[in-house]
PDB file of N, CA and C in Angstrom:
ATOM      1  N   MET A   1      41.588-162.844  75.111  1.00  0.00           N
ATOM      2  CA  MET A   1      42.476-161.717  74.971  1.00  0.00           C
ATOM      3  C   MET A   1      43.903-162.261  75.129  1.00  0.00           C
ATOM      4  N   SER A   2      44.752-161.974  74.170  1.00  0.00           N
ATOM      5  CA  SER A   2      46.134-162.470  74.207  1.00  0.00           C
ATOM      6  C   SER A   2      46.947-161.688  75.244  1.00  0.00           C
ATOM      7  N   PRO A   3      48.091-162.232  75.658  1.00  0.00           N
ATOM      8  CA  PRO A   3      48.954-161.477  76.582  1.00  0.00           C
ATOM      9  C   PRO A   3      49.336-160.111  76.010  1.00  0.00           C
ATOM     10  N   ASP A   4      49.639-160.059  74.733  1.00  0.00           N
ATOM     11  CA  ASP A   4      50.000-158.772  74.112  1.00  0.00           C
ATOM     12  C   ASP A   4      48.842-157.782  74.158  1.00  0.00           C
ATOM     13  N   GLU A   5      47.621-158.276  73.982  1.00  0.00           N
ATOM     14  CA  GLU A   5      46.447-157.389  74.060  1.00  0.00           C
ATOM     15  C   GLU A   5      46.250-156.866  75.477  1.00  0.00           C
ATOM     16  N   VAL A   6      46.447-157.725  76.467  1.00  0.00           N
ATOM     17  CA  VAL A   6      46.331-157.297  77.865  1.00  0.00           C
ATOM     18  C   VAL A   6      47.366-156.205  78.144  1.00  0.00           C
ATOM     19  N   ILE A   7      48.609-156.446  77.755  1.00  0.00           N
ATOM     20  CA  ILE A   7      49.688-155.490  77.978  1.00  0.00           C
ATOM     21  C   ILE A   7      49.415-154.182  77.247  1.00  0.00           C
ATOM     22  N   GLU A   8      48.908-154.264  76.035  1.00  0.00           N
ATOM     23  CA  GLU A   8      48.579-153.061  75.264  1.00  0.00           C
ATOM     24  C   GLU A   8      47.483-152.244  75.942  1.00  0.00           C
ATOM     25  N   GLN A   9      46.427-152.914  76.399  1.00  0.00           N
ATOM     26  CA  GLN A   9      45.323-152.215  77.068  1.00  0.00           C
ATOM     27  C   GLN A   9      45.805-151.563  78.363  1.00  0.00           C
ATOM     28  N   LEU A  10      46.637-152.253  79.111  1.00  0.00           N
ATOM     29  CA  LEU A  10      47.185-151.670  80.341  1.00  0.00           C
ATOM     30  C   LEU A  10      48.043-150.455  80.014  1.00  0.00           C
ATOM     31  N   GLY A  11      48.821-150.527  78.956  1.00  0.00           N
ATOM     32  CA  GLY A  11      49.650-149.401  78.539  1.00  0.00           C
ATOM     33  C   GLY A  11      48.831-148.168  78.225  1.00  0.00           C
ATOM     34  N   LYS A  12      47.643-148.365  77.675  1.00  0.00           N
ATOM     35  CA  LYS A  12      46.760-147.243  77.342  1.00  0.00           C
ATOM     36  C   LYS A  12      46.287-146.492  78.583  1.00  0.00           C
ATOM     37  N   ILE A  13      46.312-147.160  79.724  1.00  0.00           N
ATOM     38  CA  ILE A  13      45.890-146.497  80.968  1.00  0.00           C
ATOM     39  C   ILE A  13      47.083-146.224  81.881  1.00  0.00           C
ATOM     40  N   GLY A  14      48.286-146.255  81.303  1.00  0.00           N
ATOM     41  CA  GLY A  14      49.474-145.839  82.032  1.00  0.00           C
ATOM     42  C   GLY A  14      50.190-146.902  82.831  1.00  0.00           C
ATOM     43  N   VAL A  15      49.837-148.161  82.617  1.00  0.00           N
ATOM     44  CA  VAL A  15      50.495-149.254  83.331  1.00  0.00           C
ATOM     45  C   VAL A  15      51.344-150.024  82.327  1.00  0.00           C
ATOM     46  N   ASN A  16      52.641-149.891  82.447  1.00  0.00           N
ATOM     47  CA  ASN A  16      53.555-150.557  81.525  1.00  0.00           C
ATOM     48  C   ASN A  16      54.191-151.750  82.218  1.00  0.00           C
ATOM     49  N   ILE A  17      53.748-152.940  81.821  1.00  0.00           N
ATOM     50  CA  ILE A  17      54.297-154.171  82.378  1.00  0.00           C
ATOM     51  C   ILE A  17      54.795-155.052  81.240  1.00  0.00           C
ATOM     52  N   SER A  18      55.619-156.004  81.588  1.00  0.00           N
ATOM     53  CA  SER A  18      56.157-156.946  80.616  1.00  0.00           C
ATOM     54  C   SER A  18      55.348-158.241  80.644  1.00  0.00           C
ATOM     55  N   ARG A  19      55.647-159.103  79.682  1.00  0.00           N
ATOM     56  CA  ARG A  19      55.025-160.430  79.691  1.00  0.00           C
ATOM     57  C   ARG A  19      55.407-161.190  80.957  1.00  0.00           C
ATOM     58  N   ALA A  20      56.642-161.027  81.394  1.00  0.00           N
ATOM     59  CA  ALA A  20      57.094-161.711  82.612  1.00  0.00           C
ATOM     60  C   ALA A  20      56.284-161.256  83.823  1.00  0.00           C
ATOM     61  N   THR A  21      55.996-159.970  83.907  1.00  0.00           N
ATOM     62  CA  THR A  21      55.185-159.452  85.013  1.00  0.00           C
ATOM     63  C   THR A  21      53.765-159.976  84.917  1.00  0.00           C
ATOM     64  N   LEU A  22      53.207-160.008  83.720  1.00  0.00           N
ATOM     65  CA  LEU A  22      51.858-160.547  83.537  1.00  0.00           C
ATOM     66  C   LEU A  22      51.812-162.003  84.000  1.00  0.00           C
ATOM     67  N   LEU A  23      52.810-162.776  83.637  1.00  0.00           N
ATOM     68  CA  LEU A  23      52.868-164.177  84.056  1.00  0.00           C
ATOM     69  C   LEU A  23      53.048-164.279  85.572  1.00  0.00           C
ATOM     70  N   ARG A  24      53.859-163.393  86.151  1.00  0.00           N
ATOM     71  CA  ARG A  24      54.031-163.390  87.612  1.00  0.00           C
ATOM     72  C   ARG A  24      52.701-163.086  88.304  1.00  0.00           C
ATOM     73  N   TYR A  25      51.951-162.111  87.789  1.00  0.00           N
ATOM     74  CA  TYR A  25      50.624-161.810  88.349  1.00  0.00           C
ATOM     75  C   TYR A  25      49.729-163.043  88.281  1.00  0.00           C
ATOM     76  N   GLU A  26      49.802-163.759  87.172  1.00  0.00           N
ATOM     77  CA  GLU A  26      49.006-164.978  87.019  1.00  0.00           C
ATOM     78  C   GLU A  26      49.442-166.030  88.042  1.00  0.00           C
ATOM     79  N   ASN A  27      50.742-166.244  88.165  1.00  0.00           N
ATOM     80  CA  ASN A  27      51.250-167.252  89.102  1.00  0.00           C
ATOM     81  C   ASN A  27      50.947-166.901  90.552  1.00  0.00           C
ATOM     82  N   GLN A  28      50.884-165.600  90.861  1.00  0.00           N
ATOM     83  CA  GLN A  28      50.557-165.160  92.214  1.00  0.00           C
ATOM     84  C   GLN A  28      49.038-165.098  92.431  1.00  0.00           C
ATOM     85  N   GLU A  29      48.278-165.450  91.393  1.00  0.00           N
ATOM     86  CA  GLU A  29      46.808-165.466  91.425  1.00  0.00           C
ATOM     87  C   GLU A  29      46.222-164.080  91.657  1.00  0.00           C
ATOM     88  N   LEU A  30      46.866-163.062  91.080  1.00  0.00           N
ATOM     89  CA  LEU A  30      46.358-161.697  91.158  1.00  0.00           C
ATOM     90  C   LEU A  30      45.398-161.408  90.017  1.00  0.00           C
ATOM     91  N   ILE A  31      45.464-162.204  88.974  1.00  0.00           N
ATOM     92  CA  ILE A  31      44.588-162.079  87.806  1.00  0.00           C
ATOM     93  C   ILE A  31      44.038-163.460  87.478  1.00  0.00           C
ATOM     94  N   PRO A  32      42.975-163.513  86.667  1.00  0.00           N
ATOM     95  CA  PRO A  32      42.405-164.815  86.309  1.00  0.00           C
ATOM     96  C   PRO A  32      43.378-165.651  85.475  1.00  0.00           C
ATOM     97  N   LYS A  33      43.268-166.947  85.615  1.00  0.00           N
ATOM     98  CA  LYS A  33      44.049-167.865  84.786  1.00  0.00           C
ATOM     99  C   LYS A  33      43.492-167.836  83.359  1.00  0.00           C
ATOM    100  N   PRO A  34      44.374-167.823  82.365  1.00  0.00           N
ATOM    101  CA  PRO A  34      43.908-167.864  80.987  1.00  0.00           C
ATOM    102  C   PRO A  34      43.652-169.297  80.538  1.00  0.00           C
ATOM    103  N   SER A  35      42.981-169.423  79.421  1.00  0.00           N
ATOM    104  CA  SER A  35      42.892-170.708  78.735  1.00  0.00           C
ATOM    105  C   SER A  35      44.139-170.812  77.876  1.00  0.00           C
ATOM    106  N   ARG A  36      44.682-171.998  77.786  1.00  0.00           N
ATOM    107  CA  ARG A  36      45.877-172.210  76.959  1.00  0.00           C
ATOM    108  C   ARG A  36      45.688-173.442  76.104  1.00  0.00           C
ATOM    109  N   GLY A  37      46.303-173.412  74.949  1.00  0.00           N
ATOM    110  CA  GLY A  37      46.264-174.563  74.066  1.00  0.00           C
ATOM    111  C   GLY A  37      47.454-174.541  73.145  1.00  0.00           C
ATOM    112  N   GLY A  38      47.563-175.561  72.361  1.00  0.00           N
ATOM    113  CA  GLY A  38      48.700-175.598  71.459  1.00  0.00           C
ATOM    114  C   GLY A  38      48.633-176.775  70.531  1.00  0.00           C
ATOM    115  N   GLY A  39      49.626-176.809  69.685  1.00  0.00           N
ATOM    116  CA  GLY A  39      49.716-177.897  68.732  1.00  0.00           C
ATOM    117  C   GLY A  39      49.048-177.542  67.420  1.00  0.00           C
ATOM    118  N   GLY A  40      49.257-178.375  66.449  1.00  0.00           N
ATOM    119  CA  GLY A  40      48.638-178.138  65.149  1.00  0.00           C
ATOM    120  C   GLY A  40      49.277-176.971  64.425  1.00  0.00           C
ATOM    121  N   ALA A  41      48.622-176.550  63.379  1.00  0.00           N
ATOM    122  CA  ALA A  41      49.152-175.476  62.534  1.00  0.00           C
ATOM    123  C   ALA A  41      49.120-174.121  63.230  1.00  0.00           C
ATOM    124  N   GLY A  42      48.226-173.943  64.179  1.00  0.00           N
ATOM    125  CA  GLY A  42      48.078-172.646  64.845  1.00  0.00           C
ATOM    126  C   GLY A  42      49.117-172.367  65.911  1.00  0.00           C
ATOM    127  N   GLY A  43      49.855-173.377  66.344  1.00  0.00           N
ATOM    128  CA  GLY A  43      50.842-173.184  67.390  1.00  0.00           C
ATOM    129  C   GLY A  43      50.193-173.021  68.754  1.00  0.00           C
ATOM    130  N   ARG A  44      50.925-172.431  69.671  1.00  0.00           N
ATOM    131  CA  ARG A  44      50.416-172.231  71.031  1.00  0.00           C
ATOM    132  C   ARG A  44      49.611-170.947  71.114  1.00  0.00           C
ATOM    133  N   TRP A  45      48.619-170.935  72.017  1.00  0.00           N
ATOM    134  CA  TRP A  45      47.820-169.735  72.218  1.00  0.00           C
ATOM    135  C   TRP A  45      47.473-169.594  73.702  1.00  0.00           C
ATOM    136  N   THR A  46      47.223-168.354  74.098  1.00  0.00           N
ATOM    137  CA  THR A  46      46.807-168.007  75.457  1.00  0.00           C
ATOM    138  C   THR A  46      45.661-167.028  75.335  1.00  0.00           C
ATOM    139  N   ASP A  47      44.591-167.272  76.089  1.00  0.00           N
ATOM    140  CA  ASP A  47      43.408-166.417  76.020  1.00  0.00           C
ATOM    141  C   ASP A  47      42.979-166.029  77.436  1.00  0.00           C
ATOM    142  N   TYR A  48      43.263-164.758  77.802  1.00  0.00           N
ATOM    143  CA  TYR A  48      42.874-164.255  79.120  1.00  0.00           C
ATOM    144  C   TYR A  48      41.415-163.808  79.101  1.00  0.00           C
ATOM    145  N   PRO A  49      40.692-163.988  80.206  1.00  0.00           N
ATOM    146  CA  PRO A  49      39.313-163.489  80.304  1.00  0.00           C
ATOM    147  C   PRO A  49      39.273-161.966  80.182  1.00  0.00           C
ATOM    148  N   SER A  50      38.131-161.430  79.798  1.00  0.00           N
ATOM    149  CA  SER A  50      37.989-159.987  79.562  1.00  0.00           C
ATOM    150  C   SER A  50      38.260-159.149  80.814  1.00  0.00           C
ATOM    151  N   GLU A  51      38.034-159.675  81.999  1.00  0.00           N
ATOM    152  CA  GLU A  51      38.235-158.896  83.227  1.00  0.00           C
ATOM    153  C   GLU A  51      39.703-158.818  83.654  1.00  0.00           C
ATOM    154  N   THR A  52      40.589-159.430  82.911  1.00  0.00           N
ATOM    155  CA  THR A  52      42.008-159.459  83.268  1.00  0.00           C
ATOM    156  C   THR A  52      42.617-158.067  83.349  1.00  0.00           C
ATOM    157  N   VAL A  53      42.299-157.197  82.398  1.00  0.00           N
ATOM    158  CA  VAL A  53      42.879-155.847  82.391  1.00  0.00           C
ATOM    159  C   VAL A  53      42.492-155.106  83.672  1.00  0.00           C
ATOM    160  N   GLU A  54      41.226-155.164  84.042  1.00  0.00           N
ATOM    161  CA  GLU A  54      40.764-154.472  85.249  1.00  0.00           C
ATOM    162  C   GLU A  54      41.451-155.026  86.498  1.00  0.00           C
ATOM    163  N   GLN A  55      41.558-156.343  86.592  1.00  0.00           N
ATOM    164  CA  GLN A  55      42.152-156.944  87.779  1.00  0.00           C
ATOM    165  C   GLN A  55      43.656-156.701  87.832  1.00  0.00           C
ATOM    166  N   ALA A  56      44.320-156.713  86.681  1.00  0.00           N
ATOM    167  CA  ALA A  56      45.751-156.414  86.647  1.00  0.00           C
ATOM    168  C   ALA A  56      45.994-154.964  87.048  1.00  0.00           C
ATOM    169  N   TYR A  57      45.145-154.055  86.573  1.00  0.00           N
ATOM    170  CA  TYR A  57      45.274-152.646  86.944  1.00  0.00           C
ATOM    171  C   TYR A  57      45.079-152.462  88.447  1.00  0.00           C
ATOM    172  N   ALA A  58      44.070-153.121  89.000  1.00  0.00           N
ATOM    173  CA  ALA A  58      43.802-153.007  90.439  1.00  0.00           C
ATOM    174  C   ALA A  58      44.980-153.552  91.239  1.00  0.00           C
ATOM    175  N   ALA A  59      45.501-154.702  90.848  1.00  0.00           N
ATOM    176  CA  ALA A  59      46.636-155.284  91.560  1.00  0.00           C
ATOM    177  C   ALA A  59      47.858-154.384  91.460  1.00  0.00           C
ATOM    178  N   TRP A  60      48.154-153.901  90.267  1.00  0.00           N
ATOM    179  CA  TRP A  60      49.307-153.024  90.060  1.00  0.00           C
ATOM    180  C   TRP A  60      49.178-151.768  90.917  1.00  0.00           C
ATOM    181  N   GLY A  61      47.991-151.158  90.896  1.00  0.00           N
ATOM    182  CA  GLY A  61      47.766-149.941  91.667  1.00  0.00           C
ATOM    183  C   GLY A  61      47.936-150.156  93.154  1.00  0.00           C
ATOM    184  N   MET A  62      47.389-151.249  93.667  1.00  0.00           N
ATOM    185  CA  MET A  62      47.494-151.527  95.093  1.00  0.00           C
ATOM    186  C   MET A  62      48.940-151.783  95.505  1.00  0.00           C
ATOM    187  N   MET A  63      49.697-152.458  94.640  1.00  0.00           N
ATOM    188  CA  MET A  63      51.096-152.733  94.972  1.00  0.00           C
ATOM    189  C   MET A  63      51.971-151.484  94.870  1.00  0.00           C
ATOM    190  N   HIS A  64      51.517-150.483  94.112  1.00  0.00           N
ATOM    191  CA  HIS A  64      52.285-149.249  93.942  1.00  0.00           C
ATOM    192  C   HIS A  64      51.723-148.073  94.746  1.00  0.00           C
ATOM    193  N   GLY A  65      50.695-148.326  95.557  1.00  0.00           N
ATOM    194  CA  GLY A  65      50.119-147.260  96.374  1.00  0.00           C
ATOM    195  C   GLY A  65      49.340-146.244  95.571  1.00  0.00           C
ATOM    196  N   ILE A  66      48.768-146.682  94.463  1.00  0.00           N
ATOM    197  CA  ILE A  66      47.971-145.790  93.615  1.00  0.00           C
ATOM    198  C   ILE A  66      46.537-146.301  93.630  1.00  0.00           C
ATOM    199  N   TYR A  67      45.651-145.467  94.128  1.00  0.00           N
ATOM    200  CA  TYR A  67      44.258-145.860  94.268  1.00  0.00           C
ATOM    201  C   TYR A  67      43.409-144.893  93.463  1.00  0.00           C
ATOM    202  N   GLY A  68      42.659-145.395  92.518  1.00  0.00           N
ATOM    203  CA  GLY A  68      41.902-144.533  91.622  1.00  0.00           C
ATOM    204  C   GLY A  68      42.821-143.972  90.558  1.00  0.00           C
ATOM    205  N   LEU A  69      42.593-142.762  90.154  1.00  0.00           N
ATOM    206  CA  LEU A  69      43.375-142.175  89.078  1.00  0.00           C
ATOM    207  C   LEU A  69      44.588-141.397  89.562  1.00  0.00           C
ATOM    208  N   THR A  70      44.699-141.200  90.879  1.00  0.00           N
ATOM    209  CA  THR A  70      45.831-140.428  91.387  1.00  0.00           C
ATOM    210  C   THR A  70      46.470-141.143  92.569  1.00  0.00           C
ATOM    211  N   GLN A  71      47.682-140.799  92.836  1.00  0.00           N
ATOM    212  CA  GLN A  71      48.383-141.359  93.991  1.00  0.00           C
ATOM    213  C   GLN A  71      47.993-140.561  95.225  1.00  0.00           C
ATOM    214  N   ILE A  72      47.728-141.262  96.295  1.00  0.00           N
ATOM    215  CA  ILE A  72      47.368-140.620  97.554  1.00  0.00           C
ATOM    216  C   ILE A  72      48.652-140.326  98.317  1.00  0.00           C
ATOM    217  N   ASN A  73      48.880-139.077  98.675  1.00  0.00           N
ATOM    218  CA  ASN A  73      50.098-138.728  99.406  1.00  0.00           C
ATOM    219  C   ASN A  73      49.819-138.114 100.766  1.00  0.00           C
ATOM    220  N   ASN A  74      48.604-137.804 101.083  1.00  0.00           N
ATOM    221  CA  ASN A  74      48.289-137.124 102.339  1.00  0.00           C
ATOM    222  C   ASN A  74      47.695-138.089 103.349  1.00  0.00           C
ATOM    223  N   GLY A  75      47.877-137.767 104.602  1.00  0.00           N
ATOM    224  CA  GLY A  75      47.230-138.522 105.663  1.00  0.00           C
ATOM    225  C   GLY A  75      48.019-139.708 106.185  1.00  0.00           C
ATOM    226  N   PHE A  76      49.212-139.962 105.672  1.00  0.00           N
ATOM    227  CA  PHE A  76      50.009-141.072 106.142  1.00  0.00           C
ATOM    228  C   PHE A  76      51.240-140.527 106.856  1.00  0.00           C
ATOM    229  N   PHE A  77      51.710-141.250 107.848  1.00  0.00           N
ATOM    230  CA  PHE A  77      52.807-140.772 108.684  1.00  0.00           C
ATOM    231  C   PHE A  77      54.047-140.402 107.883  1.00  0.00           C
ATOM    232  N   ASP A  78      54.407-141.192 106.912  1.00  0.00           N
ATOM    233  CA  ASP A  78      55.620-140.910 106.149  1.00  0.00           C
ATOM    234  C   ASP A  78      55.326-140.191 104.836  1.00  0.00           C
ATOM    235  N   GLY A  79      54.089-139.784 104.635  1.00  0.00           N
ATOM    236  CA  GLY A  79      53.724-139.087 103.414  1.00  0.00           C
ATOM    237  C   GLY A  79      53.558-139.998 102.212  1.00  0.00           C
ATOM    238  N   LYS A  80      53.653-141.311 102.433  1.00  0.00           N
ATOM    239  CA  LYS A  80      53.518-142.272 101.339  1.00  0.00           C
ATOM    240  C   LYS A  80      52.290-143.135 101.578  1.00  0.00           C
ATOM    241  N   PRO A  81      51.545-143.426 100.526  1.00  0.00           N
ATOM    242  CA  PRO A  81      50.379-144.290 100.695  1.00  0.00           C
ATOM    243  C   PRO A  81      50.811-145.727 100.967  1.00  0.00           C
ATOM    244  N   PRO A  82      49.956-146.495 101.614  1.00  0.00           N
ATOM    245  CA  PRO A  82      50.311-147.896 101.879  1.00  0.00           C
ATOM    246  C   PRO A  82      50.347-148.693 100.588  1.00  0.00           C
ATOM    247  N   LYS A  83      51.262-149.647 100.544  1.00  0.00           N
ATOM    248  CA  LYS A  83      51.356-150.563  99.413  1.00  0.00           C
ATOM    249  C   LYS A  83      50.893-151.920  99.899  1.00  0.00           C
ATOM    250  N   VAL A  84      50.138-152.605  99.073  1.00  0.00           N
ATOM    251  CA  VAL A  84      49.529-153.875  99.451  1.00  0.00           C
ATOM    252  C   VAL A  84      50.345-155.015  98.843  1.00  0.00           C
ATOM    253  N   SER A  85      50.592-156.051  99.624  1.00  0.00           N
ATOM    254  CA  SER A  85      51.387-157.187  99.148  1.00  0.00           C
ATOM    255  C   SER A  85      50.571-158.052  98.188  1.00  0.00           C
ATOM    256  N   PRO A  86      51.251-158.766  97.281  1.00  0.00           N
ATOM    257  CA  PRO A  86      50.543-159.678  96.387  1.00  0.00           C
ATOM    258  C   PRO A  86      49.698-160.712  97.131  1.00  0.00           C
ATOM    259  N   SER A  87      50.192-161.216  98.260  1.00  0.00           N
ATOM    260  CA  SER A  87      49.413-162.218  98.996  1.00  0.00           C
ATOM    261  C   SER A  87      48.120-161.632  99.550  1.00  0.00           C
ATOM    262  N   THR A  88      48.147-160.373  99.950  1.00  0.00           N
ATOM    263  CA  THR A  88      46.924-159.716 100.426  1.00  0.00           C
ATOM    264  C   THR A  88      45.949-159.502  99.277  1.00  0.00           C
ATOM    265  N   ILE A  89      46.461-159.107  98.121  1.00  0.00           N
ATOM    266  CA  ILE A  89      45.600-158.914  96.951  1.00  0.00           C
ATOM    267  C   ILE A  89      44.944-160.232  96.568  1.00  0.00           C
ATOM    268  N   LYS A  90      45.708-161.316  96.592  1.00  0.00           N
ATOM    269  CA  LYS A  90      45.152-162.640  96.292  1.00  0.00           C
ATOM    270  C   LYS A  90      44.040-162.980  97.284  1.00  0.00           C
ATOM    271  N   TYR A  91      44.278-162.729  98.556  1.00  0.00           N
ATOM    272  CA  TYR A  91      43.279-163.008  99.585  1.00  0.00           C
ATOM    273  C   TYR A  91      42.001-162.226  99.320  1.00  0.00           C
ATOM    274  N   ILE A  92      42.140-160.932  99.044  1.00  0.00           N
ATOM    275  CA  ILE A  92      40.973-160.090  98.758  1.00  0.00           C
ATOM    276  C   ILE A  92      40.246-160.579  97.513  1.00  0.00           C
ATOM    277  N   ARG A  93      41.005-160.890  96.478  1.00  0.00           N
ATOM    278  CA  ARG A  93      40.415-161.316  95.203  1.00  0.00           C
ATOM    279  C   ARG A  93      39.541-162.554  95.379  1.00  0.00           C
ATOM    280  N   PHE A  94      40.005-163.512  96.162  1.00  0.00           N
ATOM    281  CA  PHE A  94      39.233-164.740  96.327  1.00  0.00           C
ATOM    282  C   PHE A  94      38.091-164.597  97.333  1.00  0.00           C
ATOM    283  N   ARG A  95      38.121-163.577  98.167  1.00  0.00           N
ATOM    284  CA  ARG A  95      37.002-163.308  99.061  1.00  0.00           C
ATOM    285  C   ARG A  95      35.857-162.634  98.311  1.00  0.00           C
ATOM    286  N   ILE A  96      36.189-161.904  97.260  1.00  0.00           N
ATOM    287  CA  ILE A  96      35.172-161.195  96.486  1.00  0.00           C
ATOM    288  C   ILE A  96      34.504-162.098  95.464  1.00  0.00           C
ATOM    289  N   ASP A  97      35.292-162.991  94.829  1.00  0.00           N
ATOM    290  CA  ASP A  97      34.746-163.869  93.765  1.00  0.00           C
ATOM    291  C   ASP A  97      33.699-164.804  94.253  1.00  0.00           C
TER     292      ASP A  97
END
């Protein structure tokens, strides 16, 4: 799946991110590393695994305090849901894999 395809699929579920954000998620190990290649007539290419969209959505939601399909606003002292840091998401991701 190309970076543009990942971004397009995320957009369909209401998550609008840029290529720079997708790359940042990759560098922070919030999503799987893609395969990359280049050279020849085809130029450079990037191929993300199929689970990238799901993991990017989960990471984005956790960092924005959105869990499931709606934002949780009740039950917290300041009325805002907790936001999870990228380092915590990385830790969780590697404990599950």
